[in-house]
Protein backbone atom coordinates (compact mmCIF):
# COMPACT_ATOMS: atom_id res chain seq x y z
CA LEU A 1 -4.50 -22.73 42.58
CA LEU A 2 -5.28 -24.70 45.73
CA VAL A 3 -1.97 -26.93 45.40
CA LYS A 4 0.33 -24.37 43.54
CA PRO A 5 -0.74 -20.88 43.98
CA ASP A 6 2.16 -19.38 43.10
CA THR A 7 1.99 -20.57 39.66
CA ALA A 8 1.35 -17.90 37.24
CA VAL A 9 -0.58 -19.95 34.24
CA GLY A 10 -3.52 -20.76 37.38
CA HIS A 11 -4.01 -17.37 37.90
CA VAL A 12 -4.27 -16.65 33.88
CA LEU A 13 -6.80 -19.66 33.31
CA PHE A 14 -8.85 -18.75 36.21
CA ALA A 15 -8.96 -15.05 35.21
CA ARG A 16 -10.14 -16.50 31.69
CA ALA A 17 -12.65 -18.32 33.50
CA LEU A 18 -14.42 -15.13 35.24
CA GLN A 19 -14.17 -13.53 32.13
CA HIS A 20 -16.30 -15.79 30.42
CA ARG A 21 -18.74 -16.04 33.23
CA GLY A 22 -18.83 -12.17 33.22
CA ARG A 23 -16.87 -11.56 36.27
CA ARG A 24 -14.57 -8.90 34.86
CA GLU A 25 -13.03 -7.22 37.92
CA GLU A 26 -12.28 -10.50 39.52
CA GLY A 27 -10.56 -11.45 36.38
CA GLN A 28 -8.47 -8.28 36.61
CA ARG A 29 -7.32 -9.09 40.07
CA ALA A 30 -6.15 -12.58 39.06
CA LEU A 31 -4.48 -11.06 36.49
CA LYS A 32 -2.55 -8.94 38.82
CA ARG A 33 -1.65 -11.95 40.85
CA ALA A 34 -0.62 -13.95 37.98
CA MET A 35 1.83 -10.91 36.86
CA ALA A 36 3.36 -10.82 40.64
CA CYS A 37 3.81 -14.51 40.54
CA GLU A 38 6.15 -14.37 37.21
CA PRO A 39 6.90 -10.47 36.53
CA LEU A 40 9.74 -11.54 34.12
CA ASP A 41 8.14 -14.64 32.42
CA GLN A 42 7.66 -14.14 28.71
CA VAL A 43 5.27 -16.77 28.33
CA ASN A 44 3.20 -15.26 31.39
CA ARG A 45 3.49 -11.74 29.74
CA VAL A 46 2.05 -13.38 26.52
CA ASN A 47 -0.82 -14.98 28.24
CA ILE A 48 -2.04 -11.63 30.21
CA ALA A 49 -1.81 -9.74 27.06
CA TRP A 50 -3.75 -11.93 25.44
CA HIS A 51 -6.35 -11.79 28.06
CA HIS A 52 -6.46 -8.40 27.88
CA LEU A 53 -6.83 -8.20 24.29
CA ARG A 54 -9.91 -10.79 24.31
CA ASP A 55 -11.33 -8.57 27.03
CA SER A 56 -11.68 -5.58 24.97
CA PRO A 57 -10.64 -5.95 21.31
CA ASP A 58 -11.96 -2.53 20.16
CA GLN A 59 -9.89 -0.40 22.62
CA VAL A 60 -6.55 0.89 22.02
CA SER A 61 -5.56 0.67 25.62
CA SER A 62 -5.91 -3.07 25.16
CA TRP A 63 -3.86 -2.90 22.12
CA ARG A 64 -0.98 -1.14 23.81
CA ALA A 65 -1.07 -3.83 26.95
CA PHE A 66 -1.01 -6.55 24.27
CA GLY A 67 2.44 -4.44 23.11
CA ALA A 68 4.06 -5.66 26.24
CA ARG A 69 3.79 -9.19 25.74
CA TRP A 70 7.64 -8.56 24.41
CA GLY A 71 8.94 -7.59 27.74
CA GLY A 72 11.13 -5.70 25.50
CA SER A 73 11.80 -4.84 22.02
CA PRO A 74 11.90 -7.15 19.10
CA TYR A 75 12.91 -4.56 16.57
CA ARG A 76 16.25 -4.78 17.54
CA ARG A 77 16.95 -8.04 15.97
CA TRP A 78 18.11 -7.58 12.38
CA VAL A 79 16.02 -8.40 9.30
CA ASN A 80 17.94 -10.49 6.68
CA GLY A 81 21.23 -9.38 8.20
CA VAL A 82 20.09 -5.84 8.26
CA ALA A 83 19.20 -3.29 11.01
CA MET A 84 15.47 -2.32 10.10
CA PRO A 85 13.29 0.40 11.76
CA CYS A 86 10.13 -0.26 13.46
CA TRP A 87 6.84 1.84 12.13
CA LYS A 88 5.83 4.16 14.72
CA GLY A 89 2.64 4.99 13.41
CA PRO A 90 0.71 7.57 10.99
CA GLY A 91 3.06 10.19 11.74
CA ASP A 92 5.74 7.88 10.56
CA PRO A 93 6.99 8.52 6.88
CA ALA A 94 7.44 4.98 6.15
CA ARG A 95 5.12 4.21 3.10
CA ARG A 96 6.31 0.65 2.51
CA LEU A 97 6.25 -1.35 5.19
CA LEU A 98 7.58 -5.20 5.74
CA LEU A 99 4.56 -6.64 7.87
CA ARG A 100 5.64 -9.49 10.21
CA GLN A 101 3.71 -12.54 11.92
CA GLU A 102 4.36 -14.03 15.06
CA ALA A 103 1.14 -16.00 15.95
CA GLY A 104 -1.07 -18.95 14.25
CA LEU A 105 -3.51 -18.79 11.32
CA GLY A 106 -6.58 -17.31 12.99
CA ASP A 107 -4.71 -14.79 14.47
CA GLN A 108 -3.02 -13.70 10.97
CA VAL A 109 -6.45 -13.45 9.98
CA LEU A 110 -7.65 -11.25 12.83
CA TYR A 111 -4.45 -8.95 12.29
CA SER A 112 -5.19 -8.73 8.67
CA HIS A 113 -8.17 -6.25 9.08
CA PHE A 114 -5.90 -3.33 10.07
CA LEU A 115 -4.62 -3.51 6.27
CA SER A 116 -7.57 -1.29 5.38
CA GLY A 117 -6.41 1.43 7.94
CA LEU A 118 -3.02 1.15 6.50
CA GLY A 119 -4.18 1.60 2.95
CA ASP A 120 -6.25 4.58 4.03
CA LEU A 121 -2.85 5.86 5.17
CA GLY A 122 -1.44 5.61 1.52
CA ILE A 123 0.72 2.66 2.87
CA THR A 124 1.39 -0.73 1.17
CA GLY A 125 4.29 -3.31 1.37
CA ALA A 126 4.76 -7.01 1.94
CA MET A 127 3.22 -9.40 4.34
CA VAL A 128 4.57 -12.74 5.81
CA ALA A 129 1.70 -15.21 6.24
CA GLU A 130 1.21 -18.63 6.68
CA PRO A 131 1.08 -20.74 3.34
CA ARG A 132 -2.48 -21.84 3.51
CA LEU A 133 -3.69 -17.67 3.71
CA HIS A 134 -1.40 -16.97 0.64
CA ARG A 135 -4.36 -17.09 -1.70
CA LEU A 136 -7.09 -15.44 0.32
CA PHE A 137 -4.75 -12.93 1.47
CA ALA A 138 -3.71 -12.18 -2.22
CA ARG A 139 -7.28 -11.91 -3.29
CA SER A 140 -8.31 -9.88 -0.11
CA PHE A 141 -5.37 -7.11 -0.41
CA GLY A 142 -4.16 -6.63 -4.02
CA ASP A 143 -1.83 -3.85 -2.85
CA TRP A 144 0.35 -6.46 -0.88
CA LYS A 145 2.93 -9.01 -1.60
CA ILE A 146 2.11 -11.83 0.17
CA VAL A 147 5.19 -14.31 1.32
CA GLY A 148 6.03 -17.09 3.55
CA ASP A 149 9.10 -15.69 5.19
CA VAL A 150 11.35 -12.87 5.00
CA ARG A 151 13.81 -14.43 3.15
CA GLU A 152 12.02 -13.95 0.34
CA LEU A 153 12.02 -10.07 0.50
CA TYR A 154 14.89 -7.75 -0.11
CA VAL A 155 14.87 -5.46 2.95
CA SER A 156 16.06 -2.76 0.90
CA ASP A 157 12.45 -2.60 -0.75
CA PHE A 158 11.01 -1.43 2.44
CA ASP A 159 10.94 1.60 4.92
CA ALA A 160 10.20 -0.19 8.16
CA GLN A 161 8.98 -3.32 9.69
CA ILE A 162 6.32 -3.95 12.41
CA PHE A 163 4.61 -7.28 13.65
CA ALA A 164 1.21 -7.51 12.85
CA GLY A 165 -0.03 -7.71 16.44
CA ASP A 166 1.32 -4.31 17.42
CA LEU A 167 -0.65 -2.45 14.23
CA GLY A 168 -3.72 -2.10 17.04
CA GLN A 169 -1.26 0.37 18.89
CA HIS A 170 -1.48 2.80 15.71
CA ILE A 171 -4.44 1.85 13.84
CA HIS A 172 -7.77 2.56 15.36
CA SER A 173 -10.28 2.42 12.52
CA PRO A 174 -13.41 0.33 12.79
CA ARG A 175 -13.26 -3.09 11.38
CA VAL A 176 -14.67 -3.30 7.81
CA SER A 177 -16.85 -6.30 7.34
CA PRO A 178 -16.03 -8.28 5.60
CA TYR A 179 -12.57 -7.87 4.90
CA LEU A 180 -11.67 -10.80 3.34
CA VAL A 181 -12.40 -11.74 -0.28
CA PRO A 182 -13.32 -15.54 -0.84
CA ASP A 183 -13.03 -17.63 -3.88
CA ARG A 184 -16.23 -16.91 -5.92
CA GLU A 185 -16.04 -20.34 -7.79
CA LYS A 186 -15.87 -22.22 -4.67
CA ALA A 187 -18.39 -19.90 -2.65
CA ALA A 188 -21.05 -20.70 -5.50
CA GLY A 189 -20.19 -24.19 -5.36
CA ILE A 190 -20.55 -24.67 -1.54
CA ARG A 191 -23.57 -22.81 -2.01
CA THR A 192 -25.29 -24.46 -4.40
CA ARG A 193 -24.32 -27.86 -2.58
CA TYR A 194 -25.71 -27.02 0.69
CA LEU A 195 -29.11 -25.44 -1.21
CA ASP A 196 -29.49 -28.69 -2.90
CA GLN A 197 -29.36 -30.71 0.47
CA GLY A 198 -32.18 -28.61 1.21
C-alpha cells in the first residue's frame, strides 16, 4: 500500500488482515478505500463481497452484499440456448430449480447447506457440482439430481434457475449440522484404522 496506494487488492488484503486481528471497523474502512480505487472492477467486487461474507456469514445483509459481486445480472445469459428466469425466493411459485455453481470445491460444500431450506419449501431439482462431490451430494440430497454441467440437463424440466451463492439472500434457516452424509463403510474403516493406532 505504501508503494501502490491506489491498488484495490492491497486494501482488500489489508482489510482481511485487520479482520483476523479483530479490528473490524478499520477493516470496513479499508474495504471502502478498495471500492473507491476500482468501483467497476469485477475481481474487486468479488473480493469485497467475499470479505463481507466471511465477516458475518449468518447475516442476511452479508449475503445480499455478496449478491453485488456480479456487478450486473448473470441471469440474462441463456442456459442451453434458452432464456431461463431467476428464482426470486420463497414467494416464487417455481418448484423445480436448476441450481448452478460458480466457485470451487469448498464453496460448493458451503452453499449446499441451503438445500435443507429449499426442501422445507417443497423445492427440488438439479444441482451442478464438482465431480468429486457427486457421490457425497447424491447421498446427502437424495431429492436432487447431481450433474457436472448444465448441458447434461433439459432446461424445460425446470421452472427457474439460481446460482448457489445467491441462495443466502432468500434462505434464512440456520445451518443444520451435520448436513452431509458420509460413506458409512469408509467412515467405519477410517475410524477402525485410527483406533487401532491408539
